[in-house]
PDB file of N, CA and C in Angstrom:
ATOM      1  N   MET A   1      15.640   5.787  -2.940  1.00  0.00           N
ATOM      2  CA  MET A   1      14.322   5.939  -3.531  1.00  0.00           C
ATOM      3  C   MET A   1      13.357   6.443  -2.470  1.00  0.00           C
ATOM      4  N   ASP A   2      12.489   7.338  -2.847  1.00  0.00           N
ATOM      5  CA  ASP A   2      11.483   7.864  -1.936  1.00  0.00           C
ATOM      6  C   ASP A   2      10.228   7.027  -2.111  1.00  0.00           C
ATOM      7  N   TYR A   3       9.825   6.318  -1.083  1.00  0.00           N
ATOM      8  CA  TYR A   3       8.690   5.410  -1.168  1.00  0.00           C
ATOM      9  C   TYR A   3       7.361   6.104  -0.946  1.00  0.00           C
ATOM     10  N   THR A   4       7.375   7.415  -0.827  1.00  0.00           N
ATOM     11  CA  THR A   4       6.124   8.135  -0.620  1.00  0.00           C
ATOM     12  C   THR A   4       5.718   8.956  -1.829  1.00  0.00           C
ATOM     13  N   ASN A   5       6.545   9.007  -2.893  1.00  0.00           N
ATOM     14  CA  ASN A   5       6.172   9.758  -4.097  1.00  0.00           C
ATOM     15  C   ASN A   5       4.897   9.197  -4.696  1.00  0.00           C
ATOM     16  N   ASP A   6       4.005  10.088  -5.126  1.00  0.00           N
ATOM     17  CA  ASP A   6       2.775   9.658  -5.785  1.00  0.00           C
ATOM     18  C   ASP A   6       3.048   9.421  -7.259  1.00  0.00           C
ATOM     19  N   LEU A   7       2.400   8.404  -7.827  1.00  0.00           N
ATOM     20  CA  LEU A   7       2.466   8.168  -9.263  1.00  0.00           C
ATOM     21  C   LEU A   7       1.797   9.323  -9.999  1.00  0.00           C
ATOM     22  N   GLN A   8       0.738   9.799  -9.440  1.00  0.00           N
ATOM     23  CA  GLN A   8       0.017  10.950  -9.968  1.00  0.00           C
ATOM     24  C   GLN A   8      -0.630  11.615  -8.770  1.00  0.00           C
ATOM     25  N   GLN A   9      -1.077  12.824  -8.908  1.00  0.00           N
ATOM     26  CA  GLN A   9      -1.696  13.495  -7.779  1.00  0.00           C
ATOM     27  C   GLN A   9      -2.896  12.678  -7.316  1.00  0.00           C
ATOM     28  N   GLY A  10      -2.915  12.313  -6.054  1.00  0.00           N
ATOM     29  CA  GLY A  10      -3.986  11.492  -5.524  1.00  0.00           C
ATOM     30  C   GLY A  10      -3.824  10.012  -5.812  1.00  0.00           C
ATOM     31  N   GLY A  11      -2.715   9.610  -6.445  1.00  0.00           N
ATOM     32  CA  GLY A  11      -2.499   8.209  -6.796  1.00  0.00           C
ATOM     33  C   GLY A  11      -1.806   7.445  -5.697  1.00  0.00           C
ATOM     34  N   LEU A  12      -1.492   6.206  -6.002  1.00  0.00           N
ATOM     35  CA  LEU A  12      -0.784   5.355  -5.053  1.00  0.00           C
ATOM     36  C   LEU A  12       0.667   5.775  -4.950  1.00  0.00           C
ATOM     37  N   PRO A  13       1.236   5.748  -3.746  1.00  0.00           N
ATOM     38  CA  PRO A  13       2.676   5.957  -3.622  1.00  0.00           C
ATOM     39  C   PRO A  13       3.423   4.884  -4.416  1.00  0.00           C
ATOM     40  N   LEU A  14       4.547   5.256  -5.003  1.00  0.00           N
ATOM     41  CA  LEU A  14       5.312   4.334  -5.851  1.00  0.00           C
ATOM     42  C   LEU A  14       5.625   3.004  -5.179  1.00  0.00           C
ATOM     43  N   GLY A  15       6.119   3.067  -3.973  1.00  0.00           N
ATOM     44  CA  GLY A  15       6.495   1.833  -3.277  1.00  0.00           C
ATOM     45  C   GLY A  15       5.318   0.905  -3.085  1.00  0.00           C
ATOM     46  N   LEU A  16       4.162   1.468  -2.769  1.00  0.00           N
ATOM     47  CA  LEU A  16       2.965   0.660  -2.586  1.00  0.00           C
ATOM     48  C   LEU A  16       2.505   0.069  -3.915  1.00  0.00           C
ATOM     49  N   ALA A  17       2.471   0.884  -4.941  1.00  0.00           N
ATOM     50  CA  ALA A  17       2.032   0.418  -6.263  1.00  0.00           C
ATOM     51  C   ALA A  17       2.945  -0.687  -6.790  1.00  0.00           C
ATOM     52  N   PHE A  18       4.253  -0.476  -6.725  1.00  0.00           N
ATOM     53  CA  PHE A  18       5.191  -1.475  -7.221  1.00  0.00           C
ATOM     54  C   PHE A  18       5.147  -2.745  -6.379  1.00  0.00           C
ATOM     55  N   GLY A  19       5.065  -2.581  -5.075  1.00  0.00           N
ATOM     56  CA  GLY A  19       5.020  -3.746  -4.195  1.00  0.00           C
ATOM     57  C   GLY A  19       3.789  -4.599  -4.423  1.00  0.00           C
ATOM     58  N   MET A  20       2.644  -3.949  -4.568  1.00  0.00           N
ATOM     59  CA  MET A  20       1.413  -4.709  -4.793  1.00  0.00           C
ATOM     60  C   MET A  20       1.400  -5.327  -6.188  1.00  0.00           C
ATOM     61  N   ALA A  21       2.059  -4.679  -7.148  1.00  0.00           N
ATOM     62  CA  ALA A  21       2.141  -5.240  -8.500  1.00  0.00           C
ATOM     63  C   ALA A  21       2.897  -6.570  -8.493  1.00  0.00           C
ATOM     64  N   MET A  22       3.764  -6.741  -7.518  1.00  0.00           N
ATOM     65  CA  MET A  22       4.553  -7.969  -7.411  1.00  0.00           C
ATOM     66  C   MET A  22       3.889  -9.019  -6.523  1.00  0.00           C
ATOM     67  N   ASP A  23       2.732  -8.702  -5.948  1.00  0.00           N
ATOM     68  CA  ASP A  23       2.079  -9.601  -4.992  1.00  0.00           C
ATOM     69  C   ASP A  23       0.584  -9.685  -5.314  1.00  0.00           C
ATOM     70  N   GLN A  24       0.199 -10.730  -6.031  1.00  0.00           N
ATOM     71  CA  GLN A  24      -1.199 -10.867  -6.462  1.00  0.00           C
ATOM     72  C   GLN A  24      -2.158 -10.907  -5.279  1.00  0.00           C
ATOM     73  N   SER A  25      -1.761 -11.538  -4.200  1.00  0.00           N
ATOM     74  CA  SER A  25      -2.627 -11.620  -3.028  1.00  0.00           C
ATOM     75  C   SER A  25      -2.885 -10.227  -2.446  1.00  0.00           C
ATOM     76  N   ALA A  26      -1.854  -9.392  -2.408  1.00  0.00           N
ATOM     77  CA  ALA A  26      -2.024  -8.023  -1.914  1.00  0.00           C
ATOM     78  C   ALA A  26      -2.988  -7.261  -2.815  1.00  0.00           C
ATOM     79  N   LEU A  27      -2.846  -7.432  -4.126  1.00  0.00           N
ATOM     80  CA  LEU A  27      -3.764  -6.773  -5.062  1.00  0.00           C
ATOM     81  C   LEU A  27      -5.199  -7.250  -4.847  1.00  0.00           C
ATOM     82  N   ASP A  28      -5.373  -8.538  -4.659  1.00  0.00           N
ATOM     83  CA  ASP A  28      -6.709  -9.089  -4.437  1.00  0.00           C
ATOM     84  C   ASP A  28      -7.339  -8.509  -3.175  1.00  0.00           C
ATOM     85  N   HIS A  29      -6.569  -8.483  -2.093  1.00  0.00           N
ATOM     86  CA  HIS A  29      -7.091  -7.944  -0.835  1.00  0.00           C
ATOM     87  C   HIS A  29      -7.368  -6.445  -0.952  1.00  0.00           C
ATOM     88  N   TYR A  30      -6.490  -5.723  -1.616  1.00  0.00           N
ATOM     89  CA  TYR A  30      -6.705  -4.283  -1.811  1.00  0.00           C
ATOM     90  C   TYR A  30      -8.005  -4.045  -2.582  1.00  0.00           C
ATOM     91  N   GLY A  31      -8.260  -4.864  -3.582  1.00  0.00           N
ATOM     92  CA  GLY A  31      -9.463  -4.716  -4.390  1.00  0.00           C
ATOM     93  C   GLY A  31     -10.745  -4.925  -3.616  1.00  0.00           C
ATOM     94  N   ARG A  32     -10.666  -5.646  -2.506  1.00  0.00           N
ATOM     95  CA  ARG A  32     -11.849  -5.911  -1.684  1.00  0.00           C
ATOM     96  C   ARG A  32     -12.081  -4.869  -0.598  1.00  0.00           C
ATOM     97  N   LEU A  33     -11.140  -3.942  -0.445  1.00  0.00           N
ATOM     98  CA  LEU A  33     -11.305  -2.903   0.569  1.00  0.00           C
ATOM     99  C   LEU A  33     -12.385  -1.915   0.151  1.00  0.00           C
ATOM    100  N   THR A  34     -13.041  -1.337   1.142  1.00  0.00           N
ATOM    101  CA  THR A  34     -13.994  -0.265   0.860  1.00  0.00           C
ATOM    102  C   THR A  34     -13.206   0.991   0.503  1.00  0.00           C
ATOM    103  N   GLU A  35     -13.871   1.980  -0.041  1.00  0.00           N
ATOM    104  CA  GLU A  35     -13.195   3.245  -0.376  1.00  0.00           C
ATOM    105  C   GLU A  35     -12.603   3.875   0.877  1.00  0.00           C
ATOM    106  N   TYR A  36     -13.336   3.802   1.975  1.00  0.00           N
ATOM    107  CA  TYR A  36     -12.842   4.350   3.238  1.00  0.00           C
ATOM    108  C   TYR A  36     -11.564   3.639   3.670  1.00  0.00           C
ATOM    109  N   GLU A  37     -11.560   2.307   3.590  1.00  0.00           N
ATOM    110  CA  GLU A  37     -10.379   1.533   3.973  1.00  0.00           C
ATOM    111  C   GLU A  37      -9.199   1.853   3.060  1.00  0.00           C
ATOM    112  N   LYS A  38      -9.469   2.023   1.762  1.00  0.00           N
ATOM    113  CA  LYS A  38      -8.402   2.382   0.826  1.00  0.00           C
ATOM    114  C   LYS A  38      -7.808   3.738   1.181  1.00  0.00           C
ATOM    115  N   GLU A  39      -8.654   4.695   1.536  1.00  0.00           N
ATOM    116  CA  GLU A  39      -8.162   6.019   1.928  1.00  0.00           C
ATOM    117  C   GLU A  39      -7.297   5.930   3.171  1.00  0.00           C
ATOM    118  N   LYS A  40      -7.725   5.134   4.145  1.00  0.00           N
ATOM    119  CA  LYS A  40      -6.932   4.957   5.372  1.00  0.00           C
ATOM    120  C   LYS A  40      -5.590   4.297   5.051  1.00  0.00           C
ATOM    121  N   LEU A  41      -5.613   3.298   4.176  1.00  0.00           N
ATOM    122  CA  LEU A  41      -4.383   2.612   3.776  1.00  0.00           C
ATOM    123  C   LEU A  41      -3.438   3.579   3.063  1.00  0.00           C
ATOM    124  N   LEU A  42      -3.965   4.380   2.164  1.00  0.00           N
ATOM    125  CA  LEU A  42      -3.135   5.356   1.451  1.00  0.00           C
ATOM    126  C   LEU A  42      -2.500   6.338   2.422  1.00  0.00           C
ATOM    127  N   ALA A  43      -3.284   6.806   3.380  1.00  0.00           N
ATOM    128  CA  ALA A  43      -2.747   7.733   4.381  1.00  0.00           C
ATOM    129  C   ALA A  43      -1.624   7.063   5.165  1.00  0.00           C
ATOM    130  N   LYS A  44      -1.833   5.816   5.540  1.00  0.00           N
ATOM    131  CA  LYS A  44      -0.792   5.085   6.291  1.00  0.00           C
ATOM    132  C   LYS A  44       0.452   4.885   5.427  1.00  0.00           C
ATOM    133  N   SER A  45       0.256   4.538   4.157  1.00  0.00           N
ATOM    134  CA  SER A  45       1.402   4.263   3.281  1.00  0.00           C
ATOM    135  C   SER A  45       2.229   5.523   3.031  1.00  0.00           C
ATOM    136  N   LYS A  46       1.607   6.672   3.067  1.00  0.00           N
ATOM    137  CA  LYS A  46       2.345   7.916   2.832  1.00  0.00           C
ATOM    138  C   LYS A  46       3.256   8.278   3.997  1.00  0.00           C
ATOM    139  N   GLY A  47       3.065   7.621   5.139  1.00  0.00           N
ATOM    140  CA  GLY A  47       3.934   7.838   6.287  1.00  0.00           C
ATOM    141  C   GLY A  47       5.108   6.883   6.355  1.00  0.00           C
ATOM    142  N   VAL A  48       5.183   5.966   5.408  1.00  0.00           N
ATOM    143  CA  VAL A  48       6.261   4.967   5.383  1.00  0.00           C
ATOM    144  C   VAL A  48       7.576   5.654   5.017  1.00  0.00           C
ATOM    145  N   LYS A  49       8.631   5.314   5.743  1.00  0.00           N
ATOM    146  CA  LYS A  49       9.928   5.973   5.556  1.00  0.00           C
ATOM    147  C   LYS A  49      11.014   5.086   4.971  1.00  0.00           C
ATOM    148  N   SER A  50      10.735   3.789   4.805  1.00  0.00           N
ATOM    149  CA  SER A  50      11.785   2.903   4.282  1.00  0.00           C
ATOM    150  C   SER A  50      11.172   1.787   3.436  1.00  0.00           C
ATOM    151  N   LYS A  51      12.019   1.166   2.647  1.00  0.00           N
ATOM    152  CA  LYS A  51      11.603   0.038   1.819  1.00  0.00           C
ATOM    153  C   LYS A  51      11.095  -1.097   2.705  1.00  0.00           C
ATOM    154  N   GLU A  52      11.764  -1.330   3.809  1.00  0.00           N
ATOM    155  CA  GLU A  52      11.380  -2.408   4.709  1.00  0.00           C
ATOM    156  C   GLU A  52       9.992  -2.165   5.295  1.00  0.00           C
ATOM    157  N   GLU A  53       9.718  -0.926   5.702  1.00  0.00           N
ATOM    158  CA  GLU A  53       8.392  -0.598   6.228  1.00  0.00           C
ATOM    159  C   GLU A  53       7.317  -0.828   5.168  1.00  0.00           C
ATOM    160  N   MET A  54       7.603  -0.435   3.922  1.00  0.00           N
ATOM    161  CA  MET A  54       6.629  -0.619   2.846  1.00  0.00           C
ATOM    162  C   MET A  54       6.411  -2.097   2.597  1.00  0.00           C
ATOM    163  N   GLN A  55       7.471  -2.897   2.623  1.00  0.00           N
ATOM    164  CA  GLN A  55       7.331  -4.340   2.418  1.00  0.00           C
ATOM    165  C   GLN A  55       6.490  -4.960   3.528  1.00  0.00           C
ATOM    166  N   GLN A  56       6.666  -4.487   4.754  1.00  0.00           N
ATOM    167  CA  GLN A  56       5.867  -4.991   5.871  1.00  0.00           C
ATOM    168  C   GLN A  56       4.392  -4.642   5.684  1.00  0.00           C
ATOM    169  N   LEU A  57       4.121  -3.420   5.234  1.00  0.00           N
ATOM    170  CA  LEU A  57       2.750  -2.993   4.987  1.00  0.00           C
ATOM    171  C   LEU A  57       2.119  -3.840   3.881  1.00  0.00           C
ATOM    172  N   ILE A  58       2.849  -4.055   2.803  1.00  0.00           N
ATOM    173  CA  ILE A  58       2.338  -4.869   1.693  1.00  0.00           C
ATOM    174  C   ILE A  58       2.112  -6.304   2.147  1.00  0.00           C
ATOM    175  N   GLN A  59       2.980  -6.836   2.987  1.00  0.00           N
ATOM    176  CA  GLN A  59       2.797  -8.194   3.499  1.00  0.00           C
ATOM    177  C   GLN A  59       1.519  -8.284   4.329  1.00  0.00           C
ATOM    178  N   LYS A  60       1.247  -7.269   5.136  1.00  0.00           N
ATOM    179  CA  LYS A  60       0.005  -7.262   5.918  1.00  0.00           C
ATOM    180  C   LYS A  60      -1.210  -7.243   5.000  1.00  0.00           C
ATOM    181  N   ILE A  61      -1.146  -6.454   3.940  1.00  0.00           N
ATOM    182  CA  ILE A  61      -2.249  -6.421   2.971  1.00  0.00           C
ATOM    183  C   ILE A  61      -2.397  -7.796   2.331  1.00  0.00           C
ATOM    184  N   SER A  62      -1.277  -8.378   1.927  1.00  0.00           N
ATOM    185  CA  SER A  62      -1.277  -9.695   1.285  1.00  0.00           C
ATOM    186  C   SER A  62      -1.870 -10.764   2.183  1.00  0.00           C
ATOM    187  N   ASP A  63      -1.552 -10.692   3.464  1.00  0.00           N
ATOM    188  CA  ASP A  63      -2.050 -11.671   4.439  1.00  0.00           C
ATOM    189  C   ASP A  63      -3.502 -11.422   4.813  1.00  0.00           C
ATOM    190  N   GLY A  64      -4.041 -10.274   4.410  1.00  0.00           N
ATOM    191  CA  GLY A  64      -5.403  -9.927   4.776  1.00  0.00           C
ATOM    192  C   GLY A  64      -5.526  -9.380   6.174  1.00  0.00           C
ATOM    193  N   ASP A  65      -4.380  -9.018   6.770  1.00  0.00           N
ATOM    194  CA  ASP A  65      -4.375  -8.446   8.119  1.00  0.00           C
ATOM    195  C   ASP A  65      -4.855  -7.014   8.086  1.00  0.00           C
ATOM    196  N   SER A  66      -5.405  -6.572   9.166  1.00  0.00           N
ATOM    197  CA  SER A  66      -5.818  -5.182   9.281  1.00  0.00           C
ATOM    198  C   SER A  66      -4.572  -4.307   9.347  1.00  0.00           C
ATOM    199  N   VAL A  67      -4.560  -3.242   8.584  1.00  0.00           N
ATOM    200  CA  VAL A  67      -3.416  -2.331   8.592  1.00  0.00           C
ATOM    201  C   VAL A  67      -3.789  -1.007   9.271  1.00  0.00           C
ATOM    202  N   PHE A  68      -4.944  -0.979   9.910  1.00  0.00           N
ATOM    203  CA  PHE A  68      -5.423   0.275  10.495  1.00  0.00           C
ATOM    204  C   PHE A  68      -5.264   0.300  11.978  1.00  0.00           C
TER     205      PHE A  68
END
């Protein structure tokens, strides 16, 4: 599976969207990010090359850790 595919042009990468859908805390923290922070997160997520890397990124979001 390619974890960098967009759901739609300009949308969330599949791996990020699915991972956050399974983690309410990650969704809550994502919802509190500024637009700038969301853009930075999206850019970072598009560089993810494996399922494990995406899970680590989602865990950082869930924990409220800085991902930048």
